[in-house]
């Protein structure tokens, strides 16, 4: 069962240019960190991205932490690579790194 969930996560992150695992949805984030992550993506010029609401699926909620070996949500993936959570996104955005990573990515 966990293997199937890990496979689903892998297909989602590798099959979409920008994926955000978050609590809630971009329109209605369910935590401040998720809301900030969405704002950072929008400020970086990402109009569309795939979001996965971990609150709707307890298996995904646990498995995503195992997938990246990262204990918290939100989690951002760009071009199949784990980028980080809210704090890392904020630091990368402020330093201009996130925008560079997102160049040429149309989600």
C-alpha atoms as a PDB file:
ATOM      1  CA  UNK A   1       0.000   0.000   0.000  1.00  0.00           C
ATOM      2  CA  UNK A   2       2.746   2.472   0.931  1.00  0.00           C
ATOM      3  CA  UNK A   3       4.645   1.560  -2.238  1.00  0.00           C
ATOM      4  CA  UNK A   4       1.638   2.479  -4.372  1.00  0.00           C
ATOM      5  CA  UNK A   5       1.365   5.814  -2.571  1.00  0.00           C
ATOM      6  CA  UNK A   6       5.086   6.500  -3.042  1.00  0.00           C
ATOM      7  CA  UNK A   7       4.681   5.655  -6.731  1.00  0.00           C
ATOM      8  CA  UNK A   8       1.735   8.065  -7.008  1.00  0.00           C
ATOM      9  CA  UNK A   9       3.806  10.819  -5.393  1.00  0.00           C
ATOM     10  CA  UNK A  10       6.735  10.075  -7.703  1.00  0.00           C
ATOM     11  CA  UNK A  11       4.497  10.246 -10.793  1.00  0.00           C
ATOM     12  CA  UNK A  12       3.001  13.540  -9.623  1.00  0.00           C
ATOM     13  CA  UNK A  13       6.333  15.260  -8.914  1.00  0.00           C
ATOM     14  CA  UNK A  14       8.068  13.982 -12.051  1.00  0.00           C
ATOM     15  CA  UNK A  15       5.066  14.459 -14.349  1.00  0.00           C
ATOM     16  CA  UNK A  16       4.458  18.132 -13.545  1.00  0.00           C
ATOM     17  CA  UNK A  17       6.894  21.064 -13.700  1.00  0.00           C
ATOM     18  CA  UNK A  18       5.858  22.606 -10.355  1.00  0.00           C
ATOM     19  CA  UNK A  19       4.149  20.687  -7.561  1.00  0.00           C
ATOM     20  CA  UNK A  20       3.273  21.958  -4.097  1.00  0.00           C
ATOM     21  CA  UNK A  21       2.152  19.530  -1.420  1.00  0.00           C
ATOM     22  CA  UNK A  22       0.232  21.703   0.984  1.00  0.00           C
ATOM     23  CA  UNK A  23      -2.504  21.875   3.583  1.00  0.00           C
ATOM     24  CA  UNK A  24      -5.605  23.088   1.797  1.00  0.00           C
ATOM     25  CA  UNK A  25      -5.722  24.505  -1.712  1.00  0.00           C
ATOM     26  CA  UNK A  26      -4.084  27.562  -3.309  1.00  0.00           C
ATOM     27  CA  UNK A  27      -7.467  29.321  -3.110  1.00  0.00           C
ATOM     28  CA  UNK A  28      -8.086  28.239   0.501  1.00  0.00           C
ATOM     29  CA  UNK A  29      -4.834  27.358   2.285  1.00  0.00           C
ATOM     30  CA  UNK A  30      -5.394  25.637   5.624  1.00  0.00           C
ATOM     31  CA  UNK A  31      -2.199  26.842   7.311  1.00  0.00           C
ATOM     32  CA  UNK A  32      -0.039  29.948   7.239  1.00  0.00           C
ATOM     33  CA  UNK A  33       3.002  28.149   5.844  1.00  0.00           C
ATOM     34  CA  UNK A  34       0.995  26.796   2.914  1.00  0.00           C
ATOM     35  CA  UNK A  35      -0.476  30.254   2.294  1.00  0.00           C
ATOM     36  CA  UNK A  36       3.022  31.765   2.260  1.00  0.00           C
ATOM     37  CA  UNK A  37       4.294  29.060  -0.118  1.00  0.00           C
ATOM     38  CA  UNK A  38       1.473  29.852  -2.569  1.00  0.00           C
ATOM     39  CA  UNK A  39       2.198  33.602  -2.336  1.00  0.00           C
ATOM     40  CA  UNK A  40       5.906  33.004  -3.011  1.00  0.00           C
ATOM     41  CA  UNK A  41       5.118  30.925  -6.108  1.00  0.00           C
ATOM     42  CA  UNK A  42       2.738  33.592  -7.418  1.00  0.00           C
ATOM     43  CA  UNK A  43       5.279  36.337  -6.696  1.00  0.00           C
ATOM     44  CA  UNK A  44       7.825  34.279  -8.650  1.00  0.00           C
ATOM     45  CA  UNK A  45       5.550  34.395 -11.691  1.00  0.00           C
ATOM     46  CA  UNK A  46       4.127  30.883 -11.469  1.00  0.00           C
ATOM     47  CA  UNK A  47       0.513  31.284 -12.535  1.00  0.00           C
ATOM     48  CA  UNK A  48      -0.375  27.597 -12.564  1.00  0.00           C
ATOM     49  CA  UNK A  49       1.047  24.741 -10.577  1.00  0.00           C
ATOM     50  CA  UNK A  50      -0.156  21.385  -9.358  1.00  0.00           C
ATOM     51  CA  UNK A  51      -1.156  21.432  -5.717  1.00  0.00           C
ATOM     52  CA  UNK A  52      -1.923  18.398  -3.602  1.00  0.00           C
ATOM     53  CA  UNK A  53      -4.038  18.891  -0.496  1.00  0.00           C
ATOM     54  CA  UNK A  54      -2.521  16.493   2.043  1.00  0.00           C
ATOM     55  CA  UNK A  55      -5.494  16.976   4.369  1.00  0.00           C
ATOM     56  CA  UNK A  56      -7.698  15.061   1.904  1.00  0.00           C
ATOM     57  CA  UNK A  57      -5.507  11.941   1.939  1.00  0.00           C
ATOM     58  CA  UNK A  58      -3.864  10.705   5.162  1.00  0.00           C
ATOM     59  CA  UNK A  59      -1.694   8.254   3.208  1.00  0.00           C
ATOM     60  CA  UNK A  60      -0.264  11.046   1.051  1.00  0.00           C
ATOM     61  CA  UNK A  61       0.148  13.230   4.141  1.00  0.00           C
ATOM     62  CA  UNK A  62       2.470  10.676   5.750  1.00  0.00           C
ATOM     63  CA  UNK A  63       4.082   9.309   2.601  1.00  0.00           C
ATOM     64  CA  UNK A  64       5.167  12.713   1.267  1.00  0.00           C
ATOM     65  CA  UNK A  65       7.221  13.201   4.450  1.00  0.00           C
ATOM     66  CA  UNK A  66       8.915   9.853   3.809  1.00  0.00           C
ATOM     67  CA  UNK A  67       9.333  10.543   0.079  1.00  0.00           C
ATOM     68  CA  UNK A  68      11.539  13.592   0.585  1.00  0.00           C
ATOM     69  CA  UNK A  69      12.694  12.633   4.072  1.00  0.00           C
ATOM     70  CA  UNK A  70      11.336  16.037   5.103  1.00  0.00           C
ATOM     71  CA  UNK A  71       9.129  16.259   8.214  1.00  0.00           C
ATOM     72  CA  UNK A  72       6.945  19.240   7.371  1.00  0.00           C
ATOM     73  CA  UNK A  73       4.387  20.443   4.853  1.00  0.00           C
ATOM     74  CA  UNK A  74       4.295  22.392   2.524  1.00  0.00           C
ATOM     75  CA  UNK A  75       6.830  20.794   0.210  1.00  0.00           C
ATOM     76  CA  UNK A  76       7.786  22.249  -3.164  1.00  0.00           C
ATOM     77  CA  UNK A  77       9.015  20.209  -6.132  1.00  0.00           C
ATOM     78  CA  UNK A  78      10.341  21.780  -9.330  1.00  0.00           C
ATOM     79  CA  UNK A  79      11.091  19.581 -12.352  1.00  0.00           C
ATOM     80  CA  UNK A  80      10.884  16.468 -10.186  1.00  0.00           C
ATOM     81  CA  UNK A  81      13.354  17.732  -7.591  1.00  0.00           C
ATOM     82  CA  UNK A  82      12.509  18.456  -3.956  1.00  0.00           C
ATOM     83  CA  UNK A  83      13.215  22.116  -3.251  1.00  0.00           C
ATOM     84  CA  UNK A  84      12.107  22.522   0.352  1.00  0.00           C
ATOM     85  CA  UNK A  85       9.455  23.870   2.642  1.00  0.00           C
ATOM     86  CA  UNK A  86       8.177  27.353   3.370  1.00  0.00           C
ATOM     87  CA  UNK A  87      11.326  28.735   5.063  1.00  0.00           C
ATOM     88  CA  UNK A  88      13.624  27.464   2.320  1.00  0.00           C
ATOM     89  CA  UNK A  89      11.268  28.844  -0.333  1.00  0.00           C
ATOM     90  CA  UNK A  90      11.279  32.238   1.399  1.00  0.00           C
ATOM     91  CA  UNK A  91      15.084  32.329   1.639  1.00  0.00           C
ATOM     92  CA  UNK A  92      15.503  31.230  -1.988  1.00  0.00           C
ATOM     93  CA  UNK A  93      12.942  33.788  -3.159  1.00  0.00           C
ATOM     94  CA  UNK A  94      14.629  36.612  -1.265  1.00  0.00           C
ATOM     95  CA  UNK A  95      17.997  35.609  -2.708  1.00  0.00           C
ATOM     96  CA  UNK A  96      16.618  35.309  -6.242  1.00  0.00           C
ATOM     97  CA  UNK A  97      17.454  31.581  -6.450  1.00  0.00           C
ATOM     98  CA  UNK A  98      13.852  30.410  -6.644  1.00  0.00           C
ATOM     99  CA  UNK A  99      13.082  32.652  -9.604  1.00  0.00           C
ATOM    100  CA  UNK A 100      16.135  31.230 -11.436  1.00  0.00           C
ATOM    101  CA  UNK A 101      14.990  27.684 -10.690  1.00  0.00           C
ATOM    102  CA  UNK A 102      11.549  28.527 -12.063  1.00  0.00           C
ATOM    103  CA  UNK A 103      12.813  30.142 -15.299  1.00  0.00           C
ATOM    104  CA  UNK A 104      11.373  28.443 -18.318  1.00  0.00           C
ATOM    105  CA  UNK A 105       8.981  26.376 -16.226  1.00  0.00           C
ATOM    106  CA  UNK A 106       5.419  26.665 -17.398  1.00  0.00           C
ATOM    107  CA  UNK A 107       3.083  24.750 -15.146  1.00  0.00           C
END
